Amino acid sequence: MKYIIILLSIFFNTVFSHEISKDIPEQKNYSQIYHLNDIDYKYTRPTAFEFATTLPQNTWRFLDSSFSKKYLNAWGAIALSTGVMIVYDQKITNQVQRFGRFLGLGNKENTVATLRVGGSPLLRRPSDVGSAMYFIGDGWVTIGFMGGFFANGLITESSRNLQVSSQLFQGLLMTGLTTQLIKRTTGRQSPIKSDKPGGRWRFFPPTSKYQNNISAYDAFPSGHLATTMTTFMILSENFPEYRFIKPVGITAMTLLGFQMVNNSVHWASDYPLALGIGYMIGKTIVENGREKVESSPNETHSYFAPLLDTSGKYGLAWNIEY
């Protein structure tokens, strides 16, 4: 399965590289302009550690944008939907898992460790359909896209592809840091470890307890779904000309969300905040990873001016400039 994902990543990046761009003469192969949704954007080739050097700035912009008046209604909707789902979480989980058994998916998390470091699994691969659905949200999928865009950007000298690779890596870091901070604050039990309907919330659990029994504290919000949403936003915002990205992304997140409830990793109420975080992080990174190029509109001016020709005749002339 992981090889299929890598091949798909390379394929998508090959497709994306065919977009025609305009090099900026004084910075050939370092800055390019792309016409996206009737707007010109300049993509500058990122420096080696741009994902790290711009991380603090983008984190601040993410927080500043998130708490602006523009998104107050959206966060209100997230809070309301989360509250309602918390009330019905156990019933939702029971019904989803019943349907999962009907589909023959089972209710277990069946990824298999394939790479270990110090006894801990660094990479897990899918072993069946259900675990493949769960693997959609794994950080390795984002890393696969990141590597594909990076390699393709170097080969085709595409500043946009290189910038997208940098954005994906930064998105992975920002999403991981944000969700981990909230998880370690809320301390919610995952369904697989819950000892009461909907799971317990134990705020600010001790670090030692958290590390020794992660699934007993890390349900809220879903890091897998937040990571997938961030990746989806970065790809869809940078490549609006490829309309298949949105339906594919929404379908992938739907399958992921279903399976994480089905295999007792998450509650449904873990999702609204995760989607909000992924949306805002992806949006922020893209907005600050490219520059809008202001083009002068074609304006028409008309005016009257005095006219005097060589024969001595005079009058008014109506001039039009465009």
Protein backbone atom coordinates (compact mmCIF):
# COMPACT_ATOMS: atom_id res chain seq x y z
CA MET A 1 0.00 0.00 0.00
CA LYS A 2 2.76 2.45 0.89
CA TYR A 3 4.37 1.87 -2.52
CA ILE A 4 1.07 2.67 -4.24
CA ILE A 5 0.85 5.94 -2.28
CA ILE A 6 4.42 6.87 -3.24
CA LEU A 7 3.73 6.11 -6.93
CA LEU A 8 0.52 8.17 -6.83
CA SER A 9 2.43 11.04 -5.25
CA ILE A 10 5.03 10.98 -8.03
CA PHE A 11 2.25 10.76 -10.65
CA PHE A 12 0.34 13.73 -9.25
CA ASN A 13 3.52 15.79 -9.07
CA THR A 14 4.34 14.95 -12.68
CA VAL A 15 0.89 16.15 -13.71
CA PHE A 16 1.18 19.35 -11.67
CA SER A 17 4.58 20.18 -13.19
CA HIS A 18 3.05 20.75 -16.62
CA GLU A 19 1.49 24.05 -15.60
CA ILE A 20 2.99 26.90 -17.66
CA SER A 21 4.61 29.65 -15.61
CA LYS A 22 6.32 32.93 -16.37
CA ASP A 23 9.86 33.34 -15.12
CA ILE A 24 10.77 36.71 -13.69
CA PRO A 25 13.78 37.73 -15.83
CA GLU A 26 16.01 39.00 -13.04
CA GLN A 27 15.43 35.86 -10.96
CA LYS A 28 15.17 33.13 -13.57
CA ASN A 29 14.19 29.76 -12.07
CA TYR A 30 13.88 31.32 -8.61
CA SER A 31 10.65 33.29 -8.92
CA GLN A 32 7.78 32.40 -11.22
CA ILE A 33 4.33 33.84 -11.73
CA TYR A 34 1.25 31.63 -12.04
CA HIS A 35 -2.19 32.80 -13.10
CA LEU A 36 -4.64 31.12 -10.70
CA ASN A 37 -8.35 31.94 -10.51
CA ASP A 38 -7.81 35.18 -12.47
CA ILE A 39 -5.10 36.30 -10.02
CA ASP A 40 -1.34 36.36 -10.59
CA TYR A 41 0.77 34.85 -7.80
CA LYS A 42 4.53 34.95 -7.52
CA TYR A 43 6.16 31.80 -6.17
CA THR A 44 9.72 32.20 -4.98
CA ARG A 45 12.00 29.22 -4.65
CA PRO A 46 12.25 28.51 -0.90
CA THR A 47 15.53 28.52 0.96
CA ALA A 48 16.85 25.29 2.48
CA PHE A 49 15.26 25.82 5.91
CA GLU A 50 12.44 28.20 5.05
CA PHE A 51 9.89 25.82 6.58
CA ALA A 52 11.65 26.34 9.93
CA THR A 53 12.53 30.03 9.70
CA THR A 54 8.97 31.06 8.81
CA LEU A 55 7.37 28.71 11.35
CA PRO A 56 7.17 31.24 14.24
CA GLN A 57 5.78 33.95 11.96
CA ASN A 58 3.13 31.65 10.44
CA THR A 59 2.20 30.28 13.85
CA TRP A 60 1.50 33.81 15.06
CA ARG A 61 -0.47 34.60 11.90
CA PHE A 62 -2.46 31.39 12.36
CA LEU A 63 -3.38 32.38 15.91
CA ASP A 64 -4.08 35.99 14.95
CA SER A 65 -6.34 34.98 12.03
CA SER A 66 -8.10 32.28 14.04
CA PHE A 67 -9.29 34.73 16.68
CA SER A 68 -10.23 37.51 14.27
CA LYS A 69 -13.85 38.60 13.87
CA LYS A 70 -13.89 37.07 10.39
CA TYR A 71 -13.93 33.53 11.77
CA LEU A 72 -15.97 33.99 14.96
CA ASN A 73 -19.09 32.45 13.41
CA ALA A 74 -17.10 29.49 12.13
CA TRP A 75 -15.58 28.79 15.55
CA GLY A 76 -19.02 29.15 17.09
CA ALA A 77 -20.33 26.49 14.70
CA ILE A 78 -17.39 24.25 15.59
CA ALA A 79 -18.04 24.67 19.32
CA LEU A 80 -21.78 24.00 18.90
CA SER A 81 -21.32 20.92 16.71
CA THR A 82 -18.66 19.55 19.06
CA GLY A 83 -20.96 19.99 22.06
CA VAL A 84 -23.87 18.25 20.36
CA MET A 85 -21.68 15.36 19.21
CA ILE A 86 -20.23 14.91 22.70
CA VAL A 87 -23.75 14.22 23.97
CA TYR A 88 -24.32 11.53 21.31
CA ASP A 89 -20.75 10.25 20.91
CA GLN A 90 -21.34 6.81 22.33
CA LYS A 91 -24.47 6.22 20.24
CA ILE A 92 -22.68 7.43 17.10
CA THR A 93 -19.74 5.11 17.82
CA ASN A 94 -22.01 2.11 18.40
CA GLN A 95 -23.88 2.68 15.12
CA VAL A 96 -20.72 3.30 13.08
CA GLN A 97 -19.06 0.17 14.42
CA ARG A 98 -22.19 -1.90 13.73
CA PHE A 99 -22.10 -0.65 10.14
CA GLY A 100 -18.37 -1.37 9.94
CA ARG A 101 -18.98 -4.98 10.89
CA PHE A 102 -21.78 -5.16 8.30
CA LEU A 103 -19.29 -3.99 5.63
CA GLY A 104 -16.78 -6.61 6.76
CA LEU A 105 -14.23 -4.04 7.94
CA GLY A 106 -14.17 -5.19 11.56
CA ASN A 107 -13.57 -2.80 14.44
CA LYS A 108 -9.82 -3.18 14.99
CA GLU A 109 -6.83 -1.07 14.04
CA ASN A 110 -4.80 -3.44 11.84
CA THR A 111 -1.80 -1.40 10.70
CA VAL A 112 1.47 -3.31 11.01
CA ALA A 113 4.80 -1.89 12.24
CA THR A 114 7.39 -2.07 9.44
CA LEU A 115 10.12 0.22 10.77
CA ARG A 116 11.19 0.47 14.39
CA VAL A 117 13.60 2.81 16.14
CA GLY A 118 14.61 1.90 19.68
CA GLY A 119 11.79 -0.60 19.89
CA SER A 120 9.14 1.97 18.98
CA PRO A 121 7.37 1.78 15.58
CA LEU A 122 8.37 4.65 13.32
CA LEU A 123 6.32 3.50 10.34
CA ARG A 124 3.19 1.38 10.24
CA ARG A 125 1.67 0.06 7.02
CA PRO A 126 -1.89 -1.00 6.19
CA SER A 127 -2.74 -4.69 6.14
CA ASP A 128 -6.39 -4.56 5.01
CA VAL A 129 -9.03 -2.19 3.63
CA GLY A 130 -9.90 -0.73 7.05
CA SER A 131 -6.30 0.01 7.97
CA ALA A 132 -5.74 1.52 4.50
CA MET A 133 -8.58 3.96 5.22
CA TYR A 134 -6.95 4.80 8.56
CA PHE A 135 -3.54 5.22 6.90
CA ILE A 136 -4.92 8.12 4.82
CA GLY A 137 -4.33 10.40 7.79
CA ASP A 138 -0.84 9.16 8.59
CA GLY A 139 1.90 11.77 8.43
CA TRP A 140 3.84 9.54 6.03
CA VAL A 141 1.28 10.27 3.32
CA THR A 142 2.01 14.00 3.64
CA ILE A 143 5.74 13.25 3.65
CA GLY A 144 5.25 11.24 0.46
CA PHE A 145 3.61 14.21 -1.26
CA MET A 146 6.28 16.52 0.13
CA GLY A 147 9.09 14.36 -1.26
CA GLY A 148 7.38 14.05 -4.63
CA PHE A 149 6.90 17.80 -5.02
CA PHE A 150 10.47 18.43 -3.89
CA ALA A 151 11.98 15.99 -6.40
CA ASN A 152 9.75 17.23 -9.20
CA GLY A 153 10.50 20.86 -8.38
CA LEU A 154 14.23 20.25 -8.64
CA ILE A 155 13.91 18.37 -11.93
CA THR A 156 11.51 20.82 -13.61
CA GLU A 157 12.88 23.93 -11.86
CA SER A 158 9.37 24.72 -10.65
CA SER A 159 9.36 27.28 -7.86
CA ARG A 160 5.73 26.47 -7.14
CA ASN A 161 6.36 22.76 -6.58
CA LEU A 162 9.35 23.49 -4.36
CA GLN A 163 7.31 26.02 -2.39
CA VAL A 164 4.46 23.51 -1.98
CA SER A 165 6.92 20.92 -0.67
CA SER A 166 8.15 23.42 1.93
CA GLN A 167 4.57 24.36 2.84
CA LEU A 168 3.58 20.70 3.33
CA PHE A 169 6.47 20.13 5.72
CA GLN A 170 5.66 23.24 7.71
CA GLY A 171 1.99 22.25 7.75
CA LEU A 172 2.91 18.87 9.19
CA LEU A 173 4.95 20.53 11.95
CA MET A 174 2.35 23.20 12.80
CA THR A 175 -0.53 20.73 12.86
CA GLY A 176 1.40 18.29 15.02
CA LEU A 177 2.42 20.97 17.52
CA THR A 178 -1.09 22.47 17.72
CA THR A 179 -2.96 19.20 18.16
CA GLN A 180 -0.43 17.86 20.65
CA LEU A 181 -0.78 20.97 22.79
CA ILE A 182 -4.57 20.59 22.89
CA LYS A 183 -4.42 16.81 23.44
CA ARG A 184 -2.11 17.26 26.42
CA THR A 185 -4.46 19.90 27.78
CA THR A 186 -7.78 18.05 27.39
CA GLY A 187 -6.63 14.50 28.17
CA ARG A 188 -9.65 12.78 26.64
CA GLN A 189 -9.91 9.00 26.54
CA SER A 190 -10.05 7.32 23.15
CA PRO A 191 -13.00 4.93 22.66
CA ILE A 192 -10.70 1.93 22.93
CA LYS A 193 -9.65 3.01 26.44
CA SER A 194 -12.91 4.59 27.64
CA ASP A 195 -14.41 3.41 30.94
CA LYS A 196 -17.58 5.49 30.57
CA PRO A 197 -19.84 6.49 27.64
CA GLY A 198 -18.10 9.17 25.60
CA GLY A 199 -14.83 8.76 27.50
CA ARG A 200 -13.39 10.74 30.39
CA TRP A 201 -11.78 14.16 30.15
CA ARG A 202 -8.76 14.51 32.47
CA PHE A 203 -7.32 17.94 31.89
CA PHE A 204 -3.56 18.55 32.04
CA PRO A 205 -2.54 14.91 32.64
CA PRO A 206 1.02 14.41 33.93
CA THR A 207 3.52 13.94 31.10
CA SER A 208 4.63 10.56 32.42
CA LYS A 209 1.07 9.20 32.47
CA TYR A 210 0.39 10.60 29.02
CA GLN A 211 3.50 9.02 27.49
CA ASN A 212 2.92 5.64 29.15
CA ASN A 213 -0.72 5.37 28.10
CA ILE A 214 -1.21 7.72 25.16
CA SER A 215 -4.59 6.46 23.91
CA ALA A 216 -6.06 7.09 27.36
CA TYR A 217 -5.47 10.85 26.95
CA ASP A 218 -5.02 11.86 23.28
CA ALA A 219 -8.43 11.62 21.60
CA PHE A 220 -9.27 15.31 21.31
CA PRO A 221 -8.78 16.62 18.65
CA SER A 222 -7.91 14.18 15.87
CA GLY A 223 -4.35 14.73 14.70
CA HIS A 224 -4.87 12.44 11.69
CA LEU A 225 -7.84 14.44 10.41
CA ALA A 226 -6.19 17.80 11.11
CA THR A 227 -3.07 16.71 9.19
CA THR A 228 -5.14 15.50 6.23
CA MET A 229 -7.14 18.75 6.18
CA THR A 230 -3.95 20.83 6.25
CA THR A 231 -2.49 18.83 3.36
CA PHE A 232 -5.75 19.09 1.42
CA MET A 233 -5.90 22.87 1.91
CA ILE A 234 -2.30 23.39 0.78
CA LEU A 235 -2.83 21.33 -2.38
CA SER A 236 -6.24 22.77 -3.28
CA GLU A 237 -5.20 26.40 -2.70
CA ASN A 238 -1.98 26.08 -4.70
CA PHE A 239 -3.51 24.08 -7.56
CA PRO A 240 -7.06 25.44 -8.05
CA GLU A 241 -6.90 24.54 -11.75
CA TYR A 242 -7.05 20.82 -10.85
CA ARG A 243 -10.67 20.40 -9.86
CA PHE A 244 -10.31 16.75 -8.90
CA ILE A 245 -8.38 17.69 -5.74
CA LYS A 246 -11.46 18.81 -3.78
CA PRO A 247 -13.67 15.75 -4.38
CA VAL A 248 -10.74 13.40 -3.83
CA GLY A 249 -9.76 15.22 -0.62
CA ILE A 250 -13.30 15.30 0.77
CA THR A 251 -13.78 11.60 -0.03
CA ALA A 252 -10.47 10.72 1.62
CA MET A 253 -11.34 12.65 4.80
CA THR A 254 -14.79 11.03 4.91
CA LEU A 255 -13.28 7.54 4.72
CA LEU A 256 -10.67 8.46 7.32
CA GLY A 257 -13.24 9.93 9.70
CA PHE A 258 -15.50 6.89 9.41
CA GLN A 259 -12.70 4.41 10.02
CA MET A 260 -11.25 6.20 13.06
CA VAL A 261 -14.62 5.90 14.80
CA ASN A 262 -15.03 2.36 13.51
CA ASN A 263 -11.68 1.21 14.91
CA SER A 264 -12.19 2.98 18.27
CA VAL A 265 -9.41 5.52 17.79
CA HIS A 266 -11.63 8.64 17.90
CA TRP A 267 -15.04 9.97 18.80
CA ALA A 268 -17.03 11.91 16.21
CA SER A 269 -16.78 15.04 18.37
CA ASP A 270 -13.00 14.98 17.94
CA TYR A 271 -13.47 16.05 14.32
CA PRO A 272 -14.92 19.60 14.06
CA LEU A 273 -11.98 21.26 15.83
CA ALA A 274 -9.51 19.13 13.87
CA LEU A 275 -11.03 20.29 10.59
CA GLY A 276 -10.99 23.92 11.75
CA ILE A 277 -7.32 23.69 12.76
CA GLY A 278 -6.33 22.05 9.48
CA TYR A 279 -8.25 24.62 7.44
CA MET A 280 -6.73 27.62 9.19
CA ILE A 281 -3.16 26.27 9.21
CA GLY A 282 -3.31 25.33 5.53
CA LYS A 283 -4.86 28.66 4.57
CA THR A 284 -2.29 30.65 6.58
CA ILE A 285 0.71 28.80 5.17
CA VAL A 286 -0.42 29.20 1.57
CA GLU A 287 -1.27 32.90 1.94
CA ASN A 288 2.22 33.60 3.28
CA GLY A 289 4.01 31.20 0.96
CA ARG A 290 3.27 33.17 -2.19
CA GLU A 291 2.84 36.80 -3.18
CA LYS A 292 -0.12 38.29 -5.01
CA VAL A 293 1.05 40.29 -8.02
CA GLU A 294 -0.97 43.44 -8.54
CA SER A 295 -1.60 43.96 -12.24
CA SER A 296 -2.61 47.35 -13.60
CA PRO A 297 -6.14 47.23 -15.01
CA ASN A 298 -6.71 48.34 -18.58
CA GLU A 299 -8.36 51.72 -18.12
CA THR A 300 -9.81 54.00 -20.79
CA HIS A 301 -9.60 57.78 -20.41
CA SER A 302 -11.39 60.35 -22.56
CA TYR A 303 -11.10 64.13 -22.43
CA PHE A 304 -11.57 67.32 -24.44
CA ALA A 305 -8.56 69.44 -25.39
CA PRO A 306 -8.11 72.64 -27.49
CA LEU A 307 -7.17 72.04 -31.12
CA LEU A 308 -5.15 74.40 -33.36
CA ASP A 309 -3.95 73.17 -36.76
CA THR A 310 -1.40 74.66 -39.18
CA SER A 311 -4.07 76.46 -41.23
CA GLY A 312 -5.09 78.58 -38.25
CA LYS A 313 -8.33 76.73 -37.54
CA TYR A 314 -9.11 76.04 -33.95
CA GLY A 315 -11.70 74.17 -31.85
CA LEU A 316 -12.04 71.27 -29.43
CA ALA A 317 -10.80 67.74 -29.92
CA TRP A 318 -12.13 64.67 -28.10
CA ASN A 319 -9.20 62.45 -27.18
CA ILE A 320 -9.41 58.82 -26.05
CA GLU A 321 -6.48 57.01 -24.38
CA TYR A 322 -6.56 53.28 -23.72
